[in-house]
Protein backbone atom coordinates (compact mmCIF):
# COMPACT_ATOMS: atom_id res chain seq x y z
CA UNK A 1 178.04 8.99 -68.07
CA UNK A 2 180.21 10.87 -70.16
CA UNK A 3 181.40 9.32 -73.35
CA UNK A 4 184.62 10.98 -72.20
CA UNK A 5 184.67 9.06 -68.53
CA UNK A 6 183.36 6.04 -69.90
CA UNK A 7 186.23 3.63 -69.97
CA UNK A 8 186.75 1.27 -73.30
CA UNK A 9 186.38 -2.33 -73.16
CA UNK A 10 188.41 -4.14 -75.11
CA UNK A 11 186.88 -7.51 -76.37
CA UNK A 12 187.74 -10.18 -75.67
CA UNK A 13 189.39 -12.56 -77.97
CA UNK A 14 187.64 -14.66 -80.69
CA UNK A 15 186.73 -18.20 -79.92
CA UNK A 16 186.15 -18.94 -83.06
CA UNK A 17 187.42 -17.90 -86.51
CA UNK A 18 184.87 -15.29 -87.14
CA UNK A 19 186.27 -11.63 -87.62
CA UNK A 20 185.20 -9.32 -84.82
CA UNK A 21 182.42 -6.75 -85.09
CA UNK A 22 183.28 -4.07 -87.35
CA UNK A 23 181.70 -1.41 -84.61
CA UNK A 24 182.36 -1.45 -81.13
CA UNK A 25 180.17 -0.08 -78.37
CA UNK A 26 181.94 3.20 -78.21
CA UNK A 27 180.95 3.84 -81.68
CA UNK A 28 177.26 3.59 -81.59
CA UNK A 29 175.86 6.84 -82.38
CA UNK A 30 175.02 9.16 -79.60
CA UNK A 31 171.50 11.31 -79.67
CA UNK A 32 172.22 14.02 -82.43
CA UNK A 33 169.73 15.99 -80.86
CA UNK A 34 171.09 18.69 -78.74
CA UNK A 35 168.17 19.99 -75.85
CA UNK A 36 166.45 23.18 -76.80
CA UNK A 37 166.73 26.02 -73.99
CA UNK A 38 165.20 29.44 -73.36
CA UNK A 39 168.66 30.75 -74.55
CA UNK A 40 168.99 28.90 -78.04
CA UNK A 41 165.17 30.23 -78.66
CA UNK A 42 166.21 33.53 -77.64
CA UNK A 43 169.44 33.47 -80.27
CA UNK A 44 167.30 32.53 -82.88
CA UNK A 45 164.63 35.44 -82.54
CA UNK A 46 167.39 37.72 -82.23
CA UNK A 47 168.86 36.29 -85.69
CA UNK A 48 165.73 36.40 -87.39
CA UNK A 49 164.93 40.01 -86.11
CA UNK A 50 168.42 41.31 -87.03
CA UNK A 51 167.64 39.76 -90.46
CA UNK A 52 164.40 41.28 -90.89
CA UNK A 53 165.72 44.35 -90.16
CA UNK A 54 168.20 44.41 -92.57
CA UNK A 55 165.54 43.66 -95.00
CA UNK A 56 163.69 46.47 -93.82
CA UNK A 57 166.73 48.69 -94.15
CA UNK A 58 167.39 47.67 -98.05
CA UNK A 59 163.57 48.24 -98.49
CA UNK A 60 163.55 51.76 -97.18
CA UNK A 61 166.96 52.77 -98.96
CA UNK A 62 165.35 51.28 -102.22
CA UNK A 63 162.09 53.10 -101.95
CA UNK A 64 162.79 56.47 -101.12
CA UNK A 65 160.62 58.46 -103.78
CA UNK A 66 158.00 60.68 -102.25
CA UNK A 67 154.35 59.65 -102.58
CA UNK A 68 150.87 62.10 -101.61
CA UNK A 69 149.12 60.87 -98.62
CA UNK A 70 145.88 61.79 -98.37
CA UNK A 71 143.90 60.53 -95.01
CA UNK A 72 140.86 61.88 -94.09
CA UNK A 73 141.67 65.00 -93.06
CA UNK A 74 145.28 65.34 -93.04
CA UNK A 75 147.29 65.77 -96.45
CA UNK A 76 151.31 65.36 -96.90
CA UNK A 77 153.62 63.66 -98.43
CA UNK A 78 156.00 61.09 -97.19
CA UNK A 79 158.72 58.88 -98.63
CA UNK A 80 157.24 55.66 -99.56
CA UNK A 81 158.83 53.66 -97.74
CA UNK A 82 157.93 55.34 -94.78
CA UNK A 83 154.37 55.22 -95.80
CA UNK A 84 154.16 51.55 -96.18
CA UNK A 85 155.65 50.84 -92.98
CA UNK A 86 153.29 52.90 -91.18
CA UNK A 87 150.72 51.00 -92.95
CA UNK A 88 152.03 47.53 -92.10
CA UNK A 89 152.64 49.01 -88.19
CA UNK A 90 149.26 49.99 -88.24
CA UNK A 91 147.88 46.83 -89.64
CA UNK A 92 149.82 44.97 -86.60
CA UNK A 93 148.51 47.15 -83.86
CA UNK A 94 144.69 46.64 -85.20
CA UNK A 95 145.62 42.52 -85.47
CA UNK A 96 146.84 42.40 -82.22
CA UNK A 97 143.95 44.13 -80.86
CA UNK A 98 141.33 41.67 -82.72
CA UNK A 99 143.43 38.74 -81.25
CA UNK A 100 143.76 40.27 -77.84
CA UNK A 101 139.94 40.76 -77.42
CA UNK A 102 139.13 37.23 -78.85
CA UNK A 103 141.66 35.47 -76.43
CA UNK A 104 139.76 37.65 -73.35
CA UNK A 105 136.58 36.51 -74.79
CA UNK A 106 137.81 33.07 -74.71
CA UNK A 107 139.33 32.89 -71.26
CA UNK A 108 136.21 34.39 -69.97
CA UNK A 109 134.11 31.37 -71.46
CA UNK A 110 136.94 29.27 -69.78
CA UNK A 111 136.18 30.73 -66.44
CA UNK A 112 132.39 30.31 -66.59
CA UNK A 113 132.27 26.96 -67.77
CA UNK A 114 134.43 26.13 -64.36
CA UNK A 115 132.02 27.64 -62.36
């Protein structure tokens, strides 16, 4: 039952000279923790993503100097921030591919163990 709908009980008059308790039953602390939902998780993810993009934009604006890039047979020049961003994305793609291969390997092992 909700706290708003709960009827407040009046304490019985004291039978002795002792003072009534300082805390009544409605002032007991309720659970301060709010349950987590998918929407709250999505909201936290969106906030973190926006913050990450703001940091990325500031980084790119501060590193606009041009650098020479030589990779295999390709030569050219790029802004430093863009070169670092491309390197970071390439690293993330490589790490994701390795992780996916490992998960596939572990799933196959689990399936073989069931049979």
